Amino acid sequence: MRKADLYASIIFTLLLVCFLLCKATISGVYLSVTAEHPYLMAFVKFAILATFGEMLALRIKSGVYYRNEFGIFPKMVVWGLLGIWIAFAMNVFAEGTPFIIEQIGLHGLIAAMNEPFSGLKLLGAFCISAMMNTSFAPVFMTVHKITDIHIQQHHGHLKSLIIPIKVKNILSVMDWKTQWDFVFKRTIPLFWIPAHTITFILPANFRVLFAALLSVALGLILSIASLKSAN
């Protein structure tokens, strides 16, 4: 085991132990802050967890967690902003999809989504996840890819946050084959829709946190996609 892996394991273990020992206090603080500042918390969760996911992807691809050109601060800012966007989208789809489903004849879904687990709630969560991941997710994934390439093109410098993104040029060099064949066609139906079905079964104040934790899995997916692009 490399030193970096050892340090990462130690930090993770310490955080887990602290959480288990102070679960009630941490949970209370988390719920309170999330209720008062939901979108600020979304920024923080994604800035930390999703960036860690990309660092994990880098570790898998190249054997290190960090490089100077990685651009950890720009990535954290971008992921934080994307996290706010995700939080907006989750609220929109969580409220809107049950309403539409009831309009087409499945009565009781809105009430079921606010009640304990049931078959109807599972169906509702699946419908919300499917709707979000077949409409919002491809756009989100493309935007993330554009920002990621933009940061890479400027070698991870802070100035990448203020330099205008040349979207047209980036779109012309994107690996659309991998984006479609792997990221869209495989990960959305096989991973994201089932994973976010679980997300929408959870209480509303834990959904963004769970989605942020899933972003660590996104890091693994990005590493696999990158390896596929290289082959």
Protein backbone atom coordinates (compact mmCIF):
# COMPACT_ATOMS: atom_id res chain seq x y z
CA MET A 1 0.00 0.00 0.00
CA ARG A 2 1.36 3.41 -0.95
CA LYS A 3 1.65 6.19 1.63
CA ALA A 4 -1.10 8.18 -0.08
CA ASP A 5 -3.46 5.19 0.13
CA LEU A 6 -2.53 4.69 3.78
CA TYR A 7 -3.20 8.35 4.59
CA ALA A 8 -6.52 8.24 2.73
CA SER A 9 -7.54 5.10 4.63
CA ILE A 10 -6.58 6.66 7.98
CA ILE A 11 -8.53 9.85 7.27
CA PHE A 12 -11.59 7.87 6.16
CA THR A 13 -11.41 5.65 9.26
CA LEU A 14 -11.08 8.64 11.60
CA LEU A 15 -14.07 10.36 10.00
CA LEU A 16 -16.12 7.17 10.28
CA VAL A 17 -15.19 6.72 13.95
CA CYS A 18 -16.00 10.37 14.72
CA PHE A 19 -19.37 9.97 13.02
CA LEU A 20 -20.22 6.79 14.93
CA LEU A 21 -19.17 8.28 18.28
CA CYS A 22 -20.98 11.57 17.74
CA LYS A 23 -23.79 10.36 15.51
CA ALA A 24 -26.60 12.17 17.34
CA THR A 25 -24.76 15.50 17.50
CA ILE A 26 -23.55 15.35 13.89
CA SER A 27 -26.98 14.31 12.64
CA GLY A 28 -28.64 17.16 14.51
CA VAL A 29 -26.20 19.76 13.23
CA TYR A 30 -26.45 18.38 9.69
CA LEU A 31 -30.25 18.47 9.67
CA SER A 32 -30.32 21.97 11.13
CA VAL A 33 -27.81 23.47 8.70
CA THR A 34 -29.34 21.65 5.72
CA ALA A 35 -32.79 22.98 6.59
CA GLU A 36 -31.52 26.56 6.88
CA HIS A 37 -29.06 26.56 3.97
CA PRO A 38 -29.96 23.68 1.61
CA TYR A 39 -28.15 24.98 -1.47
CA LEU A 40 -25.05 26.11 0.38
CA MET A 41 -24.84 22.60 1.82
CA ALA A 42 -25.31 21.17 -1.66
CA PHE A 43 -22.32 23.23 -2.79
CA VAL A 44 -20.18 21.96 0.09
CA LYS A 45 -21.19 18.30 -0.27
CA PHE A 46 -20.46 18.12 -3.98
CA ALA A 47 -17.33 20.28 -3.79
CA ILE A 48 -15.80 17.81 -1.33
CA LEU A 49 -17.22 14.42 -2.29
CA ALA A 50 -17.35 14.74 -6.07
CA THR A 51 -13.83 16.17 -6.20
CA PHE A 52 -12.66 13.26 -4.07
CA GLY A 53 -14.33 10.97 -6.60
CA GLU A 54 -12.25 12.52 -9.37
CA MET A 55 -9.11 12.17 -7.25
CA LEU A 56 -9.97 8.51 -6.82
CA ALA A 57 -10.37 8.24 -10.59
CA LEU A 58 -6.94 9.80 -11.03
CA ARG A 59 -5.50 7.29 -8.57
CA ILE A 60 -6.95 4.42 -10.58
CA LYS A 61 -5.72 5.79 -13.91
CA SER A 62 -2.27 7.04 -12.98
CA GLY A 63 -1.42 5.80 -9.49
CA VAL A 64 -1.58 9.22 -7.77
CA TYR A 65 -4.36 11.19 -6.12
CA TYR A 66 -3.15 14.61 -7.23
CA ARG A 67 -1.14 16.37 -9.91
CA ASN A 68 -0.40 20.07 -10.29
CA GLU A 69 -2.45 20.21 -13.49
CA PHE A 70 -5.38 18.43 -11.81
CA GLY A 71 -6.85 21.75 -10.66
CA ILE A 72 -8.32 20.70 -7.34
CA PHE A 73 -9.67 24.16 -6.42
CA PRO A 74 -11.28 24.88 -9.81
CA LYS A 75 -12.82 21.41 -9.74
CA MET A 76 -14.20 22.01 -6.25
CA VAL A 77 -15.78 25.29 -7.32
CA VAL A 78 -17.28 23.75 -10.46
CA TRP A 79 -18.56 20.71 -8.57
CA GLY A 80 -20.05 22.96 -5.90
CA LEU A 81 -21.98 24.93 -8.53
CA LEU A 82 -23.05 21.73 -10.25
CA GLY A 83 -24.19 20.47 -6.85
CA ILE A 84 -26.53 23.45 -6.49
CA TRP A 85 -27.88 22.72 -9.97
CA ILE A 86 -28.44 19.07 -9.01
CA ALA A 87 -30.25 20.13 -5.82
CA PHE A 88 -32.54 22.38 -7.90
CA ALA A 89 -33.23 19.55 -10.35
CA MET A 90 -33.92 17.00 -7.64
CA ASN A 91 -36.52 19.27 -6.05
CA VAL A 92 -38.15 19.97 -9.41
CA PHE A 93 -38.40 16.31 -10.42
CA ALA A 94 -39.35 15.10 -6.93
CA GLU A 95 -42.30 17.50 -6.86
CA GLY A 96 -43.25 17.52 -10.54
CA THR A 97 -43.06 13.87 -11.54
CA PRO A 98 -45.60 12.50 -9.01
CA PHE A 99 -47.97 15.30 -10.03
CA ILE A 100 -47.72 14.34 -13.71
CA ILE A 101 -48.04 10.61 -12.94
CA GLU A 102 -51.21 11.27 -10.98
CA GLN A 103 -52.58 13.31 -13.87
CA ILE A 104 -52.29 10.28 -16.15
CA GLY A 105 -54.13 8.02 -13.75
CA LEU A 106 -51.90 6.66 -10.94
CA HIS A 107 -53.67 8.17 -7.96
CA GLY A 108 -52.17 8.35 -4.48
CA LEU A 109 -48.56 8.74 -5.61
CA ILE A 110 -48.06 12.24 -4.18
CA ALA A 111 -49.24 11.09 -0.76
CA ALA A 112 -47.18 7.88 -0.97
CA MET A 113 -43.96 9.84 -1.53
CA ASN A 114 -44.43 11.50 1.87
CA GLU A 115 -45.24 8.27 3.72
CA PRO A 116 -43.17 5.28 4.92
CA PHE A 117 -41.80 2.84 2.37
CA SER A 118 -44.31 1.02 0.21
CA GLY A 119 -44.54 -0.51 -3.24
CA LEU A 120 -46.21 2.64 -4.52
CA LYS A 121 -43.43 4.81 -3.08
CA LEU A 122 -40.82 2.58 -4.75
CA LEU A 123 -42.64 2.97 -8.07
CA GLY A 124 -42.78 6.74 -7.56
CA ALA A 125 -39.08 6.94 -6.76
CA PHE A 126 -38.30 4.92 -9.88
CA CYS A 127 -40.45 7.24 -12.03
CA ILE A 128 -38.75 10.34 -10.59
CA SER A 129 -35.30 8.83 -11.15
CA ALA A 130 -36.12 7.70 -14.69
CA MET A 131 -37.50 11.11 -15.61
CA MET A 132 -34.52 12.98 -14.17
CA ASN A 133 -31.90 10.67 -15.64
CA THR A 134 -33.37 10.58 -19.14
CA SER A 135 -33.78 14.36 -19.41
CA PHE A 136 -31.58 16.29 -16.98
CA ALA A 137 -28.69 13.82 -16.58
CA PRO A 138 -27.37 13.81 -20.19
CA VAL A 139 -27.25 17.61 -20.21
CA PHE A 140 -25.60 17.66 -16.79
CA MET A 141 -23.00 15.07 -17.81
CA THR A 142 -22.18 16.99 -20.96
CA VAL A 143 -21.80 20.27 -19.07
CA HIS A 144 -19.53 18.59 -16.56
CA LYS A 145 -17.41 17.13 -19.35
CA ILE A 146 -17.10 20.56 -20.98
CA THR A 147 -15.95 22.20 -17.74
CA ASP A 148 -13.56 19.33 -17.06
CA ILE A 149 -11.90 19.70 -20.47
CA HIS A 150 -11.76 23.48 -19.99
CA ILE A 151 -9.88 23.05 -16.68
CA GLN A 152 -7.52 20.56 -18.31
CA GLN A 153 -6.82 22.92 -21.20
CA HIS A 154 -5.67 25.55 -18.70
CA HIS A 155 -3.58 23.05 -16.70
CA GLY A 156 -5.71 23.33 -13.57
CA HIS A 157 -4.88 27.00 -12.98
CA LEU A 158 -7.24 29.20 -10.99
CA LYS A 159 -7.62 31.43 -14.04
CA SER A 160 -9.70 28.66 -15.63
CA LEU A 161 -12.55 29.84 -13.40
CA ILE A 162 -12.67 33.27 -15.05
CA ILE A 163 -11.56 32.52 -18.62
CA PRO A 164 -14.60 32.13 -20.91
CA ILE A 165 -15.25 28.52 -21.90
CA LYS A 166 -14.92 27.90 -25.63
CA VAL A 167 -17.89 25.55 -25.75
CA LYS A 168 -17.96 25.17 -29.52
CA ASN A 169 -14.29 24.16 -29.67
CA ILE A 170 -14.61 21.74 -26.76
CA LEU A 171 -17.68 20.07 -28.24
CA SER A 172 -15.72 19.44 -31.43
CA VAL A 173 -12.98 17.52 -29.58
CA MET A 174 -15.14 15.55 -27.13
CA ASP A 175 -15.14 11.77 -27.40
CA TRP A 176 -18.82 11.42 -28.25
CA LYS A 177 -18.52 7.69 -28.92
CA THR A 178 -17.56 6.99 -25.31
CA GLN A 179 -19.98 9.64 -24.07
CA TRP A 180 -22.87 7.92 -25.84
CA ASP A 181 -21.89 4.23 -25.78
CA PHE A 182 -20.71 4.15 -22.16
CA VAL A 183 -21.70 7.23 -20.17
CA PHE A 184 -25.22 7.66 -21.56
CA LYS A 185 -26.28 4.27 -22.89
CA ARG A 186 -24.87 2.09 -20.11
CA THR A 187 -24.41 4.03 -16.89
CA ILE A 188 -27.76 5.83 -17.00
CA PRO A 189 -30.04 2.75 -17.21
CA LEU A 190 -27.76 0.31 -15.36
CA PHE A 191 -26.46 2.52 -12.55
CA TRP A 192 -27.93 6.00 -12.24
CA ILE A 193 -31.62 5.16 -12.54
CA PRO A 194 -31.45 2.36 -9.91
CA ALA A 195 -29.14 4.43 -7.67
CA HIS A 196 -31.34 7.51 -7.76
CA THR A 197 -34.41 5.37 -7.18
CA ILE A 198 -32.87 4.74 -3.77
CA THR A 199 -32.13 8.48 -3.50
CA PHE A 200 -35.78 9.43 -3.87
CA ILE A 201 -36.94 6.83 -1.35
CA LEU A 202 -34.83 8.61 1.29
CA PRO A 203 -36.12 11.58 3.32
CA ALA A 204 -35.73 14.84 1.39
CA ASN A 205 -33.02 16.22 3.69
CA PHE A 206 -30.73 13.25 2.95
CA ARG A 207 -31.21 13.06 -0.82
CA VAL A 208 -28.57 15.57 -1.85
CA LEU A 209 -26.06 13.99 0.55
CA PHE A 210 -26.69 10.56 -0.95
CA ALA A 211 -26.42 12.00 -4.45
CA ALA A 212 -23.11 13.58 -3.47
CA LEU A 213 -21.88 10.22 -2.15
CA LEU A 214 -22.87 8.70 -5.49
CA SER A 215 -20.56 11.23 -7.11
CA VAL A 216 -17.67 9.21 -5.69
CA ALA A 217 -18.98 6.38 -7.86
CA LEU A 218 -19.05 8.89 -10.70
CA GLY A 219 -15.31 9.27 -10.22
CA LEU A 220 -14.90 5.55 -10.86
CA ILE A 221 -17.14 5.80 -13.92
CA LEU A 222 -15.10 8.71 -15.24
CA SER A 223 -11.89 6.72 -14.84
CA ILE A 224 -13.36 3.78 -16.74
CA ALA A 225 -14.64 6.10 -19.48
CA SER A 226 -11.22 7.73 -19.73
CA LEU A 227 -9.53 4.36 -20.05
CA LYS A 228 -12.00 3.39 -22.75
CA SER A 229 -11.26 6.60 -24.64
CA ALA A 230 -7.55 5.87 -24.48
CA ASN A 231 -7.97 2.39 -26.02
